[in-house]
């Protein structure tokens, strides 16, 4: 029973394409040089740097959102599963 209770599940991951999408979302289209420099930076980012980004994202998520979101999502699933209006 304890193995089932402590089994971990992946929450998310980050990849270089995620960073490219973020750049596309936030950079002004008129600043082509800045955009090209950032895209080139993503192409040259090391796996170690990606691990550092992932680690920092994990820390930020856990510190800011994890517990509140876990509670909300768990309650929502229990309510749907058991046809309950409010927990």
PDB file of N, CA and C in Angstrom:
ATOM      1  N   UNK A   1       0.821  -1.204   0.000  1.00  0.00           N
ATOM      2  CA  UNK A   1       0.000   0.000   0.000  1.00  0.00           C
ATOM      3  C   UNK A   1       0.860   1.262   0.000  1.00  0.00           C
ATOM      4  N   UNK A   2       1.965   1.260   0.756  1.00  0.00           N
ATOM      5  CA  UNK A   2       2.786   2.467   0.824  1.00  0.00           C
ATOM      6  C   UNK A   2       3.419   2.790  -0.531  1.00  0.00           C
ATOM      7  N   UNK A   3       3.748   1.776  -1.333  1.00  0.00           N
ATOM      8  CA  UNK A   3       4.307   2.036  -2.658  1.00  0.00           C
ATOM      9  C   UNK A   3       3.310   2.786  -3.528  1.00  0.00           C
ATOM     10  N   UNK A   4       2.045   2.406  -3.453  1.00  0.00           N
ATOM     11  CA  UNK A   4       1.014   3.082  -4.237  1.00  0.00           C
ATOM     12  C   UNK A   4       0.853   4.533  -3.777  1.00  0.00           C
ATOM     13  N   UNK A   5       0.935   4.756  -2.487  1.00  0.00           N
ATOM     14  CA  UNK A   5       0.718   6.090  -1.945  1.00  0.00           C
ATOM     15  C   UNK A   5       1.883   7.036  -2.230  1.00  0.00           C
ATOM     16  N   UNK A   6       3.079   6.510  -2.418  1.00  0.00           N
ATOM     17  CA  UNK A   6       4.236   7.380  -2.657  1.00  0.00           C
ATOM     18  C   UNK A   6       4.684   7.393  -4.118  1.00  0.00           C
ATOM     19  N   UNK A   7       3.949   6.690  -4.990  1.00  0.00           N
ATOM     20  CA  UNK A   7       4.291   6.678  -6.410  1.00  0.00           C
ATOM     21  C   UNK A   7       4.137   8.085  -6.983  1.00  0.00           C
ATOM     22  N   UNK A   8       5.179   8.576  -7.657  1.00  0.00           N
ATOM     23  CA  UNK A   8       5.142   9.921  -8.225  1.00  0.00           C
ATOM     24  C   UNK A   8       4.601   9.932  -9.647  1.00  0.00           C
ATOM     25  N   UNK A   9       4.002  11.045 -10.025  1.00  0.00           N
ATOM     26  CA  UNK A   9       3.510  11.262 -11.379  1.00  0.00           C
ATOM     27  C   UNK A   9       4.073  12.583 -11.881  1.00  0.00           C
ATOM     28  N   UNK A  10       4.518  12.606 -13.124  1.00  0.00           N
ATOM     29  CA  UNK A  10       5.077  13.829 -13.692  1.00  0.00           C
ATOM     30  C   UNK A  10       3.997  14.890 -13.839  1.00  0.00           C
ATOM     31  N   UNK A  11       4.344  16.097 -13.475  1.00  0.00           N
ATOM     32  CA  UNK A  11       3.406  17.208 -13.605  1.00  0.00           C
ATOM     33  C   UNK A  11       3.533  17.843 -14.971  1.00  0.00           C
ATOM     34  N   UNK A  12       4.740  18.172 -15.366  1.00  0.00           N
ATOM     35  CA  UNK A  12       4.952  18.829 -16.649  1.00  0.00           C
ATOM     36  C   UNK A  12       6.419  18.742 -17.027  1.00  0.00           C
ATOM     37  N   UNK A  13       6.731  19.293 -18.141  1.00  0.00           N
ATOM     38  CA  UNK A  13       8.112  19.370 -18.597  1.00  0.00           C
ATOM     39  C   UNK A  13       8.272  20.670 -19.366  1.00  0.00           C
ATOM     40  N   UNK A  14       9.500  21.016 -19.650  1.00  0.00           N
ATOM     41  CA  UNK A  14       9.774  22.197 -20.454  1.00  0.00           C
ATOM     42  C   UNK A  14      10.769  21.797 -21.538  1.00  0.00           C
ATOM     43  N   UNK A  15      10.584  22.348 -22.732  1.00  0.00           N
ATOM     44  CA  UNK A  15      11.504  22.052 -23.828  1.00  0.00           C
ATOM     45  C   UNK A  15      11.864  23.362 -24.535  1.00  0.00           C
ATOM     46  N   UNK A  16      12.829  23.270 -25.397  1.00  0.00           N
ATOM     47  CA  UNK A  16      13.271  24.460 -26.114  1.00  0.00           C
ATOM     48  C   UNK A  16      12.138  25.076 -26.943  1.00  0.00           C
ATOM     49  N   UNK A  17      11.261  24.255 -27.485  1.00  0.00           N
ATOM     50  CA  UNK A  17      10.117  24.779 -28.243  1.00  0.00           C
ATOM     51  C   UNK A  17       9.193  25.614 -27.366  1.00  0.00           C
ATOM     52  N   UNK A  18       9.094  25.270 -26.078  1.00  0.00           N
ATOM     53  CA  UNK A  18       8.299  26.087 -25.159  1.00  0.00           C
ATOM     54  C   UNK A  18       8.888  27.490 -25.040  1.00  0.00           C
ATOM     55  N   UNK A  19      10.214  27.563 -24.981  1.00  0.00           N
ATOM     56  CA  UNK A  19      10.870  28.861 -24.896  1.00  0.00           C
ATOM     57  C   UNK A  19      10.654  29.653 -26.182  1.00  0.00           C
ATOM     58  N   UNK A  20      10.759  28.970 -27.324  1.00  0.00           N
ATOM     59  CA  UNK A  20      10.497  29.648 -28.598  1.00  0.00           C
ATOM     60  C   UNK A  20       9.072  30.189 -28.653  1.00  0.00           C
ATOM     61  N   UNK A  21       8.117  29.430 -28.152  1.00  0.00           N
ATOM     62  CA  UNK A  21       6.728  29.888 -28.129  1.00  0.00           C
ATOM     63  C   UNK A  21       6.578  31.095 -27.213  1.00  0.00           C
ATOM     64  N   UNK A  22       7.250  31.065 -26.065  1.00  0.00           N
ATOM     65  CA  UNK A  22       7.214  32.194 -25.142  1.00  0.00           C
ATOM     66  C   UNK A  22       7.779  33.440 -25.807  1.00  0.00           C
ATOM     67  N   UNK A  23       8.886  33.298 -26.519  1.00  0.00           N
ATOM     68  CA  UNK A  23       9.488  34.429 -27.231  1.00  0.00           C
ATOM     69  C   UNK A  23       8.502  34.981 -28.253  1.00  0.00           C
ATOM     70  N   UNK A  24       7.873  34.097 -28.988  1.00  0.00           N
ATOM     71  CA  UNK A  24       6.892  34.506 -29.993  1.00  0.00           C
ATOM     72  C   UNK A  24       5.721  35.256 -29.356  1.00  0.00           C
ATOM     73  N   UNK A  25       5.329  34.838 -28.159  1.00  0.00           N
ATOM     74  CA  UNK A  25       4.195  35.453 -27.472  1.00  0.00           C
ATOM     75  C   UNK A  25       4.518  36.827 -26.883  1.00  0.00           C
ATOM     76  N   UNK A  26       5.774  37.044 -26.439  1.00  0.00           N
ATOM     77  CA  UNK A  26       6.053  38.264 -25.688  1.00  0.00           C
ATOM     78  C   UNK A  26       6.859  39.322 -26.439  1.00  0.00           C
ATOM     79  N   UNK A  27       7.577  38.935 -27.476  1.00  0.00           N
ATOM     80  CA  UNK A  27       8.458  39.887 -28.153  1.00  0.00           C
ATOM     81  C   UNK A  27       7.686  40.662 -29.217  1.00  0.00           C
ATOM     82  N   UNK A  28       7.925  41.950 -29.257  1.00  0.00           N
ATOM     83  CA  UNK A  28       7.318  42.828 -30.256  1.00  0.00           C
ATOM     84  C   UNK A  28       7.787  42.402 -31.643  1.00  0.00           C
ATOM     85  N   UNK A  29       6.849  42.192 -32.547  1.00  0.00           N
ATOM     86  CA  UNK A  29       7.167  41.736 -33.912  1.00  0.00           C
ATOM     87  C   UNK A  29       8.106  42.688 -34.650  1.00  0.00           C
ATOM     88  N   UNK A  30       8.124  43.952 -34.268  1.00  0.00           N
ATOM     89  CA  UNK A  30       8.943  44.930 -34.972  1.00  0.00           C
ATOM     90  C   UNK A  30      10.414  44.869 -34.563  1.00  0.00           C
ATOM     91  N   UNK A  31      10.740  44.174 -33.489  1.00  0.00           N
ATOM     92  CA  UNK A  31      12.118  44.083 -33.015  1.00  0.00           C
ATOM     93  C   UNK A  31      12.727  42.762 -33.490  1.00  0.00           C
ATOM     94  N   UNK A  32      12.965  42.679 -34.795  1.00  0.00           N
ATOM     95  CA  UNK A  32      13.438  41.434 -35.410  1.00  0.00           C
ATOM     96  C   UNK A  32      14.817  41.028 -34.909  1.00  0.00           C
ATOM     97  N   UNK A  33      15.706  41.996 -34.690  1.00  0.00           N
ATOM     98  CA  UNK A  33      17.055  41.673 -34.236  1.00  0.00           C
ATOM     99  C   UNK A  33      17.021  41.020 -32.855  1.00  0.00           C
ATOM    100  N   UNK A  34      16.251  41.586 -31.960  1.00  0.00           N
ATOM    101  CA  UNK A  34      16.123  41.017 -30.613  1.00  0.00           C
ATOM    102  C   UNK A  34      15.531  39.611 -30.685  1.00  0.00           C
ATOM    103  N   UNK A  35      14.506  39.440 -31.496  1.00  0.00           N
ATOM    104  CA  UNK A  35      13.881  38.135 -31.662  1.00  0.00           C
ATOM    105  C   UNK A  35      14.877  37.111 -32.194  1.00  0.00           C
ATOM    106  N   UNK A  36      15.639  37.494 -33.236  1.00  0.00           N
ATOM    107  CA  UNK A  36      16.630  36.572 -33.804  1.00  0.00           C
ATOM    108  C   UNK A  36      17.717  36.216 -32.802  1.00  0.00           C
ATOM    109  N   UNK A  37      18.139  37.185 -31.996  1.00  0.00           N
ATOM    110  CA  UNK A  37      19.161  36.923 -30.983  1.00  0.00           C
ATOM    111  C   UNK A  37      18.639  35.928 -29.935  1.00  0.00           C
ATOM    112  N   UNK A  38      17.407  36.116 -29.518  1.00  0.00           N
ATOM    113  CA  UNK A  38      16.825  35.207 -28.521  1.00  0.00           C
ATOM    114  C   UNK A  38      16.633  33.809 -29.095  1.00  0.00           C
ATOM    115  N   UNK A  39      16.150  33.725 -30.329  1.00  0.00           N
ATOM    116  CA  UNK A  39      15.967  32.414 -30.970  1.00  0.00           C
ATOM    117  C   UNK A  39      17.301  31.705 -31.113  1.00  0.00           C
ATOM    118  N   UNK A  40      18.332  32.434 -31.501  1.00  0.00           N
ATOM    119  CA  UNK A  40      19.671  31.854 -31.600  1.00  0.00           C
ATOM    120  C   UNK A  40      20.140  31.380 -30.225  1.00  0.00           C
ATOM    121  N   UNK A  41      19.820  32.152 -29.188  1.00  0.00           N
ATOM    122  CA  UNK A  41      20.169  31.759 -27.830  1.00  0.00           C
ATOM    123  C   UNK A  41      19.516  30.448 -27.433  1.00  0.00           C
ATOM    124  N   UNK A  42      18.264  30.272 -27.818  1.00  0.00           N
ATOM    125  CA  UNK A  42      17.545  29.028 -27.508  1.00  0.00           C
ATOM    126  C   UNK A  42      18.195  27.851 -28.234  1.00  0.00           C
ATOM    127  N   UNK A  43      18.595  28.064 -29.472  1.00  0.00           N
ATOM    128  CA  UNK A  43      19.218  26.989 -30.239  1.00  0.00           C
ATOM    129  C   UNK A  43      20.539  26.549 -29.622  1.00  0.00           C
ATOM    130  N   UNK A  44      21.200  27.453 -28.892  1.00  0.00           N
ATOM    131  CA  UNK A  44      22.501  27.141 -28.311  1.00  0.00           C
ATOM    132  C   UNK A  44      22.461  26.848 -26.813  1.00  0.00           C
ATOM    133  N   UNK A  45      21.288  26.822 -26.228  1.00  0.00           N
ATOM    134  CA  UNK A  45      21.181  26.570 -24.794  1.00  0.00           C
ATOM    135  C   UNK A  45      21.563  25.110 -24.501  1.00  0.00           C
ATOM    136  N   UNK A  46      22.299  24.909 -23.437  1.00  0.00           N
ATOM    137  CA  UNK A  46      22.759  23.557 -23.101  1.00  0.00           C
ATOM    138  C   UNK A  46      21.688  22.789 -22.337  1.00  0.00           C
ATOM    139  N   UNK A  47      21.853  21.485 -22.301  1.00  0.00           N
ATOM    140  CA  UNK A  47      20.937  20.668 -21.504  1.00  0.00           C
ATOM    141  C   UNK A  47      21.037  21.035 -20.024  1.00  0.00           C
ATOM    142  N   UNK A  48      22.230  21.374 -19.567  1.00  0.00           N
ATOM    143  CA  UNK A  48      22.393  21.800 -18.174  1.00  0.00           C
ATOM    144  C   UNK A  48      21.613  23.068 -17.877  1.00  0.00           C
ATOM    145  N   UNK A  49      21.637  24.007 -18.811  1.00  0.00           N
ATOM    146  CA  UNK A  49      20.860  25.237 -18.647  1.00  0.00           C
ATOM    147  C   UNK A  49      19.366  24.940 -18.684  1.00  0.00           C
ATOM    148  N   UNK A  50      18.953  24.012 -19.534  1.00  0.00           N
ATOM    149  CA  UNK A  50      17.538  23.617 -19.580  1.00  0.00           C
ATOM    150  C   UNK A  50      17.127  22.973 -18.257  1.00  0.00           C
ATOM    151  N   UNK A  51      18.012  22.157 -17.679  1.00  0.00           N
ATOM    152  CA  UNK A  51      17.718  21.551 -16.373  1.00  0.00           C
ATOM    153  C   UNK A  51      17.565  22.622 -15.305  1.00  0.00           C
ATOM    154  N   UNK A  52      18.404  23.661 -15.372  1.00  0.00           N
ATOM    155  CA  UNK A  52      18.300  24.756 -14.413  1.00  0.00           C
ATOM    156  C   UNK A  52      16.971  25.498 -14.580  1.00  0.00           C
ATOM    157  N   UNK A  53      16.563  25.739 -15.813  1.00  0.00           N
ATOM    158  CA  UNK A  53      15.271  26.385 -16.077  1.00  0.00           C
ATOM    159  C   UNK A  53      14.139  25.533 -15.513  1.00  0.00           C
ATOM    160  N   UNK A  54      14.182  24.232 -15.796  1.00  0.00           N
ATOM    161  CA  UNK A  54      13.136  23.327 -15.305  1.00  0.00           C
ATOM    162  C   UNK A  54      13.097  23.314 -13.783  1.00  0.00           C
ATOM    163  N   UNK A  55      14.250  23.282 -13.165  1.00  0.00           N
ATOM    164  CA  UNK A  55      14.323  23.269 -11.702  1.00  0.00           C
ATOM    165  C   UNK A  55      13.734  24.543 -11.113  1.00  0.00           C
ATOM    166  N   UNK A  56      14.077  25.681 -11.709  1.00  0.00           N
ATOM    167  CA  UNK A  56      13.540  26.955 -11.227  1.00  0.00           C
ATOM    168  C   UNK A  56      12.034  27.048 -11.448  1.00  0.00           C
ATOM    169  N   UNK A  57      11.550  26.537 -12.581  1.00  0.00           N
ATOM    170  CA  UNK A  57      10.104  26.517 -12.822  1.00  0.00           C
ATOM    171  C   UNK A  57       9.404  25.641 -11.794  1.00  0.00           C
ATOM    172  N   UNK A  58      10.004  24.511 -11.490  1.00  0.00           N
ATOM    173  CA  UNK A  58       9.440  23.595 -10.488  1.00  0.00           C
ATOM    174  C   UNK A  58       9.352  24.288  -9.131  1.00  0.00           C
ATOM    175  N   UNK A  59      10.449  24.929  -8.729  1.00  0.00           N
ATOM    176  CA  UNK A  59      10.461  25.638  -7.446  1.00  0.00           C
ATOM    177  C   UNK A  59       9.397  26.723  -7.405  1.00  0.00           C
ATOM    178  N   UNK A  60       9.315  27.509  -8.471  1.00  0.00           N
ATOM    179  CA  UNK A  60       8.339  28.597  -8.521  1.00  0.00           C
ATOM    180  C   UNK A  60       6.914  28.058  -8.466  1.00  0.00           C
ATOM    181  N   UNK A  61       6.661  26.986  -9.205  1.00  0.00           N
ATOM    182  CA  UNK A  61       5.320  26.405  -9.208  1.00  0.00           C
ATOM    183  C   UNK A  61       4.953  25.891  -7.820  1.00  0.00           C
ATOM    184  N   UNK A  62       5.879  25.153  -7.207  1.00  0.00           N
ATOM    185  CA  UNK A  62       5.592  24.580  -5.883  1.00  0.00           C
ATOM    186  C   UNK A  62       5.380  25.666  -4.837  1.00  0.00           C
ATOM    187  N   UNK A  63       6.180  26.731  -4.900  1.00  0.00           N
ATOM    188  CA  UNK A  63       6.061  27.814  -3.924  1.00  0.00           C
ATOM    189  C   UNK A  63       4.795  28.643  -4.122  1.00  0.00           C
ATOM    190  N   UNK A  64       4.354  28.799  -5.357  1.00  0.00           N
ATOM    191  CA  UNK A  64       3.259  29.715  -5.641  1.00  0.00           C
ATOM    192  C   UNK A  64       1.904  29.063  -5.895  1.00  0.00           C
ATOM    193  N   UNK A  65       1.898  27.896  -6.534  1.00  0.00           N
ATOM    194  CA  UNK A  65       0.625  27.376  -7.032  1.00  0.00           C
ATOM    195  C   UNK A  65       0.285  25.942  -6.637  1.00  0.00           C
ATOM    196  N   UNK A  66       1.266  25.137  -6.364  1.00  0.00           N
ATOM    197  CA  UNK A  66       1.078  23.696  -6.243  1.00  0.00           C
ATOM    198  C   UNK A  66      -0.035  23.314  -5.275  1.00  0.00           C
ATOM    199  N   UNK A  67       0.050  23.755  -4.020  1.00  0.00           N
ATOM    200  CA  UNK A  67      -0.895  23.280  -3.007  1.00  0.00           C
ATOM    201  C   UNK A  67      -2.311  23.770  -3.269  1.00  0.00           C
ATOM    202  N   UNK A  68      -2.463  25.032  -3.662  1.00  0.00           N
ATOM    203  CA  UNK A  68      -3.807  25.544  -3.958  1.00  0.00           C
ATOM    204  C   UNK A  68      -4.415  24.822  -5.150  1.00  0.00           C
ATOM    205  N   UNK A  69      -3.611  24.622  -6.194  1.00  0.00           N
ATOM    206  CA  UNK A  69      -4.121  23.922  -7.372  1.00  0.00           C
ATOM    207  C   UNK A  69      -4.403  22.459  -7.080  1.00  0.00           C
ATOM    208  N   UNK A  70      -3.558  21.818  -6.286  1.00  0.00           N
ATOM    209  CA  UNK A  70      -3.794  20.418  -5.917  1.00  0.00           C
ATOM    210  C   UNK A  70      -5.131  20.280  -5.195  1.00  0.00           C
ATOM    211  N   UNK A  71      -5.375  21.160  -4.235  1.00  0.00           N
ATOM    212  CA  UNK A  71      -6.641  21.117  -3.496  1.00  0.00           C
ATOM    213  C   UNK A  71      -7.830  21.321  -4.438  1.00  0.00           C
ATOM    214  N   UNK A  72      -7.760  22.347  -5.282  1.00  0.00           N
ATOM    215  CA  UNK A  72      -8.855  22.661  -6.198  1.00  0.00           C
ATOM    216  C   UNK A  72      -9.131  21.512  -7.159  1.00  0.00           C
ATOM    217  N   UNK A  73      -8.089  20.992  -7.783  1.00  0.00           N
ATOM    218  CA  UNK A  73      -8.261  19.933  -8.786  1.00  0.00           C
ATOM    219  C   UNK A  73      -8.745  18.644  -8.140  1.00  0.00           C
ATOM    220  N   UNK A  74      -8.197  18.301  -6.962  1.00  0.00           N
ATOM    221  CA  UNK A  74      -8.645  17.093  -6.270  1.00  0.00           C
ATOM    222  C   UNK A  74     -10.123  17.196  -5.910  1.00  0.00           C
ATOM    223  N   UNK A  75     -10.532  18.328  -5.342  1.00  0.00           N
ATOM    224  CA  UNK A  75     -11.941  18.511  -4.975  1.00  0.00           C
ATOM    225  C   UNK A  75     -12.839  18.430  -6.205  1.00  0.00           C
ATOM    226  N   UNK A  76     -12.408  19.033  -7.300  1.00  0.00           N
ATOM    227  CA  UNK A  76     -13.200  19.001  -8.534  1.00  0.00           C
ATOM    228  C   UNK A  76     -13.393  17.571  -9.017  1.00  0.00           C
ATOM    229  N   UNK A  77     -12.341  16.784  -9.008  1.00  0.00           N
ATOM    230  CA  UNK A  77     -12.440  15.384  -9.447  1.00  0.00           C
ATOM    231  C   UNK A  77     -13.348  14.594  -8.516  1.00  0.00           C
ATOM    232  N   UNK A  78     -13.210  14.792  -7.212  1.00  0.00           N
ATOM    233  CA  UNK A  78     -14.062  14.072  -6.255  1.00  0.00           C
ATOM    234  C   UNK A  78     -15.523  14.460  -6.424  1.00  0.00           C
ATOM    235  N   UNK A  79     -15.785  15.738  -6.662  1.00  0.00           N
ATOM    236  CA  UNK A  79     -17.165  16.187  -6.852  1.00  0.00           C
ATOM    237  C   UNK A  79     -17.762  15.564  -8.110  1.00  0.00           C
ATOM    238  N   UNK A  80     -16.987  15.549  -9.210  1.00  0.00           N
ATOM    239  CA  UNK A  80     -17.474  14.953 -10.456  1.00  0.00           C
ATOM    240  C   UNK A  80     -17.647  13.445 -10.311  1.00  0.00           C
ATOM    241  N   UNK A  81     -16.690  12.811  -9.693  1.00  0.00           N
ATOM    242  CA  UNK A  81     -16.712  11.360  -9.540  1.00  0.00           C
ATOM    243  C   UNK A  81     -17.879  10.908  -8.681  1.00  0.00           C
ATOM    244  N   UNK A  82     -18.188  11.673  -7.658  1.00  0.00           N
ATOM    245  CA  UNK A  82     -19.230  11.277  -6.711  1.00  0.00           C
ATOM    246  C   UNK A  82     -20.512  12.081  -6.851  1.00  0.00           C
ATOM    247  N   UNK A  83     -20.613  12.882  -7.926  1.00  0.00           N
ATOM    248  CA  UNK A  83     -21.791  13.705  -8.199  1.00  0.00           C
ATOM    249  C   UNK A  83     -22.191  14.523  -6.970  1.00  0.00           C
ATOM    250  N   UNK A  84     -21.216  15.265  -6.453  1.00  0.00           N
ATOM    251  CA  UNK A  84     -21.410  16.114  -5.288  1.00  0.00           C
ATOM    252  C   UNK A  84     -21.403  17.565  -5.761  1.00  0.00           C
ATOM    253  N   UNK A  85     -22.281  18.372  -5.192  1.00  0.00           N
ATOM    254  CA  UNK A  85     -22.368  19.783  -5.590  1.00  0.00           C
ATOM    255  C   UNK A  85     -21.258  20.624  -4.969  1.00  0.00           C
ATOM    256  N   UNK A  86     -20.864  20.330  -3.712  1.00  0.00           N
ATOM    257  CA  UNK A  86     -19.858  21.144  -3.032  1.00  0.00           C
ATOM    258  C   UNK A  86     -19.145  20.297  -1.983  1.00  0.00           C
ATOM    259  N   UNK A  87     -17.813  20.498  -1.932  1.00  0.00           N
ATOM    260  CA  UNK A  87     -17.014  19.830  -0.887  1.00  0.00           C
ATOM    261  C   UNK A  87     -16.451  20.894   0.006  1.00  0.00           C
TER     262      UNK A  87
END
